[in-house]
C-alpha atoms as a PDB file:
ATOM      1  CA  MET A   1     -15.428   3.079   4.507  1.00  0.00           C
ATOM      2  CA  ASN A   2     -18.798   4.693   3.877  1.00  0.00           C
ATOM      3  CA  ARG A   3     -17.381   8.151   4.499  1.00  0.00           C
ATOM      4  CA  LEU A   4     -14.516   7.544   2.108  1.00  0.00           C
ATOM      5  CA  GLU A   5     -16.885   6.307  -0.578  1.00  0.00           C
ATOM      6  CA  GLY A   6     -18.957   9.431   0.004  1.00  0.00           C
ATOM      7  CA  TYR A   7     -15.883  11.628  -0.402  1.00  0.00           C
ATOM      8  CA  TRP A   8     -15.087   9.896  -3.676  1.00  0.00           C
ATOM      9  CA  ARG A   9     -18.649  10.135  -4.950  1.00  0.00           C
ATOM     10  CA  ASP A  10     -18.859  13.841  -4.115  1.00  0.00           C
ATOM     11  CA  LEU A  11     -15.695  14.450  -6.136  1.00  0.00           C
ATOM     12  CA  ALA A  12     -15.995  12.096  -9.101  1.00  0.00           C
ATOM     13  CA  SER A  13     -19.706  12.655  -9.727  1.00  0.00           C
ATOM     14  CA  ASN A  14     -18.845  16.155 -10.922  1.00  0.00           C
ATOM     15  CA  TYR A  15     -17.212  14.609 -13.971  1.00  0.00           C
ATOM     16  CA  THR A  16     -18.802  11.274 -14.812  1.00  0.00           C
ATOM     17  CA  ASN A  17     -21.823   9.042 -14.440  1.00  0.00           C
ATOM     18  CA  ASP A  18     -22.807   6.887 -11.468  1.00  0.00           C
ATOM     19  CA  ALA A  19     -21.570   3.671 -13.066  1.00  0.00           C
ATOM     20  CA  GLN A  20     -18.067   5.048 -13.589  1.00  0.00           C
ATOM     21  CA  VAL A  21     -18.041   6.596 -10.124  1.00  0.00           C
ATOM     22  CA  LYS A  22     -18.894   3.214  -8.613  1.00  0.00           C
ATOM     23  CA  ALA A  23     -16.413   1.285 -10.763  1.00  0.00           C
ATOM     24  CA  SER A  24     -13.548   3.656 -10.005  1.00  0.00           C
ATOM     25  CA  TRP A  25     -14.356   3.532  -6.291  1.00  0.00           C
ATOM     26  CA  GLU A  26     -14.236  -0.262  -6.315  1.00  0.00           C
ATOM     27  CA  THR A  27     -10.783  -0.085  -7.898  1.00  0.00           C
ATOM     28  CA  ILE A  28      -9.558   2.386  -5.291  1.00  0.00           C
ATOM     29  CA  LYS A  29     -10.979   0.268  -2.478  1.00  0.00           C
ATOM     30  CA  SER A  30      -9.411  -2.901  -3.865  1.00  0.00           C
ATOM     31  CA  GLN A  31      -5.964  -1.352  -4.345  1.00  0.00           C
ATOM     32  CA  TYR A  32      -5.782   0.254  -0.926  1.00  0.00           C
ATOM     33  CA  SER A  33      -7.244  -2.787   0.850  1.00  0.00           C
ATOM     34  CA  SER A  34      -4.522  -5.196  -0.195  1.00  0.00           C
ATOM     35  CA  LYS A  35      -3.510  -7.515   2.643  1.00  0.00           C
ATOM     36  CA  LYS A  36       0.085  -6.374   2.172  1.00  0.00           C
ATOM     37  CA  ARG A  37      -0.776  -2.790   3.065  1.00  0.00           C
ATOM     38  CA  TYR A  38      -0.479  -1.993   6.739  1.00  0.00           C
ATOM     39  CA  TYR A  39       0.020   1.776   6.549  1.00  0.00           C
ATOM     40  CA  HIS A  40      -0.474   2.899   2.931  1.00  0.00           C
ATOM     41  CA  ASN A  41      -4.133   1.966   3.010  1.00  0.00           C
ATOM     42  CA  LEU A  42      -7.607   3.486   3.240  1.00  0.00           C
ATOM     43  CA  SER A  43      -6.967   4.660   6.808  1.00  0.00           C
ATOM     44  CA  HIS A  44      -4.067   6.771   5.545  1.00  0.00           C
ATOM     45  CA  LEU A  45      -6.330   8.362   2.938  1.00  0.00           C
ATOM     46  CA  TYR A  46      -9.049   8.985   5.497  1.00  0.00           C
ATOM     47  CA  THR A  47      -6.634  10.765   7.813  1.00  0.00           C
ATOM     48  CA  MET A  48      -5.476  12.999   4.965  1.00  0.00           C
ATOM     49  CA  PHE A  49      -9.021  13.920   3.974  1.00  0.00           C
ATOM     50  CA  LEU A  50     -10.031  14.650   7.563  1.00  0.00           C
ATOM     51  CA  GLN A  51      -7.170  17.122   7.906  1.00  0.00           C
ATOM     52  CA  LEU A  52      -7.882  18.606   4.487  1.00  0.00           C
ATOM     53  CA  GLN A  53     -11.354  19.696   5.600  1.00  0.00           C
ATOM     54  CA  ASP A  54      -9.898  22.519   7.679  1.00  0.00           C
ATOM     55  CA  LEU A  55      -7.663  23.663   4.825  1.00  0.00           C
ATOM     56  CA  GLU A  56      -9.990  23.684   1.831  1.00  0.00           C
ATOM     57  CA  ALA A  57     -10.326  27.471   1.694  1.00  0.00           C
ATOM     58  CA  LYS A  58      -6.543  27.736   1.338  1.00  0.00           C
ATOM     59  CA  ILE A  59      -6.278  25.367  -1.639  1.00  0.00           C
ATOM     60  CA  ASP A  60      -6.099  26.859  -5.122  1.00  0.00           C
ATOM     61  CA  ASP A  61      -7.233  23.787  -7.103  1.00  0.00           C
ATOM     62  CA  LEU A  62      -9.046  21.667  -4.538  1.00  0.00           C
ATOM     63  CA  ASN A  63     -10.331  18.943  -6.845  1.00  0.00           C
ATOM     64  CA  SER A  64      -6.914  18.310  -8.386  1.00  0.00           C
ATOM     65  CA  LEU A  65      -5.438  18.042  -4.909  1.00  0.00           C
ATOM     66  CA  LYS A  66      -8.166  15.597  -3.913  1.00  0.00           C
ATOM     67  CA  PHE A  67      -7.523  13.442  -6.975  1.00  0.00           C
ATOM     68  CA  ALA A  68      -3.814  13.473  -6.133  1.00  0.00           C
ATOM     69  CA  ILE A  69      -4.577  12.262  -2.622  1.00  0.00           C
ATOM     70  CA  TRP A  70      -6.778   9.454  -3.912  1.00  0.00           C
ATOM     71  CA  TYR A  71      -4.183   8.195  -6.355  1.00  0.00           C
ATOM     72  CA  HIS A  72      -0.821   9.031  -4.772  1.00  0.00           C
ATOM     73  CA  ASP A  73      -0.427   5.491  -3.364  1.00  0.00           C
ATOM     74  CA  ILE A  74      -2.747   3.611  -5.716  1.00  0.00           C
ATOM     75  CA  ILE A  75       0.294   1.573  -6.797  1.00  0.00           C
ATOM     76  CA  TYR A  76       2.401   0.552  -3.843  1.00  0.00           C
ATOM     77  CA  LYS A  77       4.933  -2.252  -3.769  1.00  0.00           C
ATOM     78  CA  PRO A  78       7.869  -1.903  -1.334  1.00  0.00           C
ATOM     79  CA  THR A  79      10.161  -3.727  -3.764  1.00  0.00           C
ATOM     80  CA  ASN A  80       9.533  -1.161  -6.532  1.00  0.00           C
ATOM     81  CA  ASN A  81      11.251   2.206  -6.882  1.00  0.00           C
ATOM     82  CA  ASP A  82       8.725   3.650  -9.330  1.00  0.00           C
ATOM     83  CA  ASN A  83       5.489   3.466  -7.356  1.00  0.00           C
ATOM     84  CA  GLU A  84       4.844   7.187  -7.680  1.00  0.00           C
ATOM     85  CA  GLU A  85       5.428   7.190 -11.425  1.00  0.00           C
ATOM     86  CA  GLN A  86       3.117   4.222 -11.851  1.00  0.00           C
ATOM     87  CA  SER A  87       0.515   5.842  -9.623  1.00  0.00           C
ATOM     88  CA  ALA A  88       0.699   9.022 -11.699  1.00  0.00           C
ATOM     89  CA  ILE A  89       0.122   7.048 -14.900  1.00  0.00           C
ATOM     90  CA  PHE A  90      -2.743   5.189 -13.257  1.00  0.00           C
ATOM     91  CA  SER A  91      -4.375   8.484 -12.289  1.00  0.00           C
ATOM     92  CA  GLU A  92      -3.937   9.815 -15.814  1.00  0.00           C
ATOM     93  CA  ASN A  93      -5.732   6.840 -17.320  1.00  0.00           C
ATOM     94  CA  VAL A  94      -8.671   7.202 -14.944  1.00  0.00           C
ATOM     95  CA  LEU A  95      -8.934  10.971 -15.246  1.00  0.00           C
ATOM     96  CA  LYS A  96      -8.849  10.813 -19.029  1.00  0.00           C
ATOM     97  CA  THR A  97     -11.720   8.352 -18.907  1.00  0.00           C
ATOM     98  CA  ILE A  98     -13.852  10.741 -16.899  1.00  0.00           C
ATOM     99  CA  LYS A  99     -12.764  13.624 -19.140  1.00  0.00           C
ATOM    100  CA  TYR A 100     -11.005  15.655 -16.468  1.00  0.00           C
ATOM    101  CA  ASP A 101      -9.274  18.755 -17.832  1.00  0.00           C
ATOM    102  CA  THR A 102      -6.026  17.821 -19.605  1.00  0.00           C
ATOM    103  CA  ILE A 103      -3.935  20.534 -17.971  1.00  0.00           C
ATOM    104  CA  LYS A 104      -5.262  19.582 -14.556  1.00  0.00           C
ATOM    105  CA  ILE A 105      -4.445  15.927 -15.199  1.00  0.00           C
ATOM    106  CA  GLU A 106      -0.818  16.927 -15.638  1.00  0.00           C
ATOM    107  CA  LYS A 107      -1.033  18.838 -12.370  1.00  0.00           C
ATOM    108  CA  VAL A 108      -2.392  15.772 -10.564  1.00  0.00           C
ATOM    109  CA  LYS A 109       0.410  13.644 -11.982  1.00  0.00           C
ATOM    110  CA  THR A 110       3.047  16.140 -10.872  1.00  0.00           C
ATOM    111  CA  LEU A 111       1.569  16.332  -7.388  1.00  0.00           C
ATOM    112  CA  ILE A 112       1.733  12.552  -7.122  1.00  0.00           C
ATOM    113  CA  ILE A 113       5.340  12.463  -8.372  1.00  0.00           C
ATOM    114  CA  SER A 114       6.315  14.999  -5.695  1.00  0.00           C
ATOM    115  CA  THR A 115       5.515  12.437  -2.982  1.00  0.00           C
ATOM    116  CA  LYS A 116       8.458  10.335  -4.169  1.00  0.00           C
ATOM    117  CA  THR A 117      11.080  12.606  -2.583  1.00  0.00           C
ATOM    118  CA  HIS A 118       8.709  14.855  -0.646  1.00  0.00           C
ATOM    119  CA  GLU A 119      10.155  17.927  -2.270  1.00  0.00           C
ATOM    120  CA  LEU A 120       8.113  20.707  -3.842  1.00  0.00           C
ATOM    121  CA  ILE A 121       7.727  20.634  -7.617  1.00  0.00           C
ATOM    122  CA  LEU A 122       4.812  23.025  -8.101  1.00  0.00           C
ATOM    123  CA  THR A 123       5.377  26.371  -6.382  1.00  0.00           C
ATOM    124  CA  GLU A 124       2.865  28.764  -7.981  1.00  0.00           C
ATOM    125  CA  ASN A 125       0.605  28.161  -4.978  1.00  0.00           C
ATOM    126  CA  LYS A 126       0.647  26.072  -1.783  1.00  0.00           C
ATOM    127  CA  ASP A 127      -1.280  23.075  -3.097  1.00  0.00           C
ATOM    128  CA  ASN A 128       1.838  20.943  -3.469  1.00  0.00           C
ATOM    129  CA  ALA A 129       3.043  21.995  -0.025  1.00  0.00           C
ATOM    130  CA  TYR A 130      -0.233  21.020   1.594  1.00  0.00           C
ATOM    131  CA  LEU A 131      -0.258  17.638  -0.145  1.00  0.00           C
ATOM    132  CA  LEU A 132       3.219  16.784   1.140  1.00  0.00           C
ATOM    133  CA  ASP A 133       2.429  18.010   4.639  1.00  0.00           C
ATOM    134  CA  LEU A 134      -0.803  16.011   4.758  1.00  0.00           C
ATOM    135  CA  ASP A 135       1.053  12.929   3.586  1.00  0.00           C
ATOM    136  CA  LEU A 136       3.749  13.223   6.271  1.00  0.00           C
ATOM    137  CA  SER A 137       1.657  14.483   9.170  1.00  0.00           C
ATOM    138  CA  ILE A 138       2.018  11.062  10.832  1.00  0.00           C
ATOM    139  CA  LEU A 139       5.629  12.003  11.600  1.00  0.00           C
ATOM    140  CA  GLY A 140       4.384  14.565  14.078  1.00  0.00           C
ATOM    141  CA  SER A 141       1.957  12.323  15.920  1.00  0.00           C
ATOM    142  CA  ASP A 142       2.360  11.363  19.578  1.00  0.00           C
ATOM    143  CA  TRP A 143       5.006   8.717  20.234  1.00  0.00           C
ATOM    144  CA  ASN A 144       2.549   5.856  20.757  1.00  0.00           C
ATOM    145  CA  SER A 145       0.852   6.555  17.428  1.00  0.00           C
ATOM    146  CA  TYR A 146       4.241   6.937  15.782  1.00  0.00           C
ATOM    147  CA  LYS A 147       5.315   3.524  17.096  1.00  0.00           C
ATOM    148  CA  ILE A 148       2.251   1.938  15.504  1.00  0.00           C
ATOM    149  CA  TYR A 149       3.179   3.672  12.244  1.00  0.00           C
ATOM    150  CA  LEU A 150       6.708   2.250  12.511  1.00  0.00           C
ATOM    151  CA  GLN A 151       5.367  -1.245  13.097  1.00  0.00           C
ATOM    152  CA  ASN A 152       3.071  -0.997  10.086  1.00  0.00           C
ATOM    153  CA  ILE A 153       5.826   0.291   7.825  1.00  0.00           C
ATOM    154  CA  ARG A 154       8.069  -2.549   8.970  1.00  0.00           C
ATOM    155  CA  LYS A 155       5.322  -5.059   8.113  1.00  0.00           C
ATOM    156  CA  GLU A 156       5.088  -3.612   4.619  1.00  0.00           C
ATOM    157  CA  TYR A 157       8.828  -4.137   4.227  1.00  0.00           C
ATOM    158  CA  LYS A 158       8.924  -7.542   5.927  1.00  0.00           C
ATOM    159  CA  ILE A 159      10.441  -9.072   2.794  1.00  0.00           C
ATOM    160  CA  TYR A 160      13.690  -7.360   3.826  1.00  0.00           C
ATOM    161  CA  PRO A 161      15.717  -8.627   6.818  1.00  0.00           C
ATOM    162  CA  ASP A 162      16.881  -6.113   9.434  1.00  0.00           C
ATOM    163  CA  ILE A 163      20.383  -6.112   7.999  1.00  0.00           C
ATOM    164  CA  LEU A 164      18.947  -4.478   4.872  1.00  0.00           C
ATOM    165  CA  TYR A 165      15.947  -2.659   6.294  1.00  0.00           C
ATOM    166  CA  LYS A 166      17.647  -0.756   9.099  1.00  0.00           C
ATOM    167  CA  PRO A 167      20.355   0.961   6.990  1.00  0.00           C
ATOM    168  CA  GLY A 168      17.715   1.944   4.443  1.00  0.00           C
ATOM    169  CA  ARG A 169      15.449   3.333   7.116  1.00  0.00           C
ATOM    170  CA  LYS A 170      18.332   5.246   8.710  1.00  0.00           C
ATOM    171  CA  LYS A 171      19.062   6.828   5.337  1.00  0.00           C
ATOM    172  CA  VAL A 172      15.462   8.026   5.078  1.00  0.00           C
ATOM    173  CA  LEU A 173      15.481   9.436   8.603  1.00  0.00           C
ATOM    174  CA  LYS A 174      18.813  11.174   8.067  1.00  0.00           C
ATOM    175  CA  HIS A 175      17.501  12.752   4.858  1.00  0.00           C
ATOM    176  CA  PHE A 176      14.506  14.225   6.669  1.00  0.00           C
ATOM    177  CA  LEU A 177      16.440  15.373   9.721  1.00  0.00           C
ATOM    178  CA  GLU A 178      18.925  17.234   7.519  1.00  0.00           C
ATOM    179  CA  ARG A 179      16.168  19.331   5.975  1.00  0.00           C
ATOM    180  CA  ASP A 180      15.685  22.862   7.263  1.00  0.00           C
ATOM    181  CA  THR A 181      12.066  21.971   7.956  1.00  0.00           C
ATOM    182  CA  LEU A 182      10.113  18.741   7.613  1.00  0.00           C
ATOM    183  CA  PHE A 183       6.923  20.585   6.736  1.00  0.00           C
ATOM    184  CA  PHE A 184       6.342  23.264   4.123  1.00  0.00           C
ATOM    185  CA  THR A 185       3.362  25.179   5.493  1.00  0.00           C
ATOM    186  CA  ASP A 186       3.090  27.354   8.571  1.00  0.00           C
ATOM    187  CA  GLU A 187       0.157  25.362   9.916  1.00  0.00           C
ATOM    188  CA  PHE A 188       1.915  22.005   9.823  1.00  0.00           C
ATOM    189  CA  ARG A 189       5.234  23.364  11.061  1.00  0.00           C
ATOM    190  CA  ALA A 190       3.534  24.908  14.066  1.00  0.00           C
ATOM    191  CA  LYS A 191       1.547  21.783  14.819  1.00  0.00           C
ATOM    192  CA  TYR A 192       3.960  18.955  14.021  1.00  0.00           C
ATOM    193  CA  GLU A 193       7.580  20.051  13.424  1.00  0.00           C
ATOM    194  CA  THR A 194       8.914  19.792  16.980  1.00  0.00           C
ATOM    195  CA  GLN A 195       7.282  16.447  17.732  1.00  0.00           C
ATOM    196  CA  ALA A 196       8.218  15.051  14.325  1.00  0.00           C
ATOM    197  CA  ARG A 197      11.925  15.759  14.845  1.00  0.00           C
ATOM    198  CA  LYS A 198      11.722  14.232  18.295  1.00  0.00           C
ATOM    199  CA  ASN A 199      10.095  11.100  16.862  1.00  0.00           C
ATOM    200  CA  LEU A 200      12.631  10.741  14.062  1.00  0.00           C
ATOM    201  CA  LYS A 201      15.563  11.107  16.427  1.00  0.00           C
ATOM    202  CA  GLN A 202      14.083   8.591  18.833  1.00  0.00           C
ATOM    203  CA  GLU A 203      13.525   6.109  16.014  1.00  0.00           C
ATOM    204  CA  MET A 204      17.066   6.660  14.772  1.00  0.00           C
ATOM    205  CA  ALA A 205      18.392   5.791  18.237  1.00  0.00           C
ATOM    206  CA  MET A 206      16.414   2.539  18.172  1.00  0.00           C
ATOM    207  CA  LEU A 207      17.827   1.297  14.865  1.00  0.00           C
END
């Protein structure tokens, strides 16, 4: 928690005062700490930021990417189909308050929207690709870690009985497996692609 707050402070303090930095952090912490979040929580953000550290030199607009990470799941309700759009609007409201560059705000919003389908929208550099790969890196984890991820996702969707959940989950898995590659960057493909496909196929067989 302290490290995450430090990451936020290091970023946001470039644009606003300490009071706003603190207030915006408390909002982030509250949103991602909801009792209904088992995977899309602060641990997910922390994992993304840890991996980002080794990639920073390859990012064109690092601060916009960081803001997109912070806010990409700020709104998350499994029963909604517009979480990404709402999260993008949420980020816009905050970033306007701290007077972040208007053009860059639009970039942050677009990056967030891209996590809805996990397809590239911005292609002038690899920032969008790295965001999506960071977000889905869990797919390429070892099987035991992947099983914990599955359990946490199922808890988030516990409102739905298996008769509804399993067909929906199969549709998601099928969509990913039909893609030429799950990951967009060379680094993530080399590190995670093979294991990710193995995990998805094994999950599919379990449903």
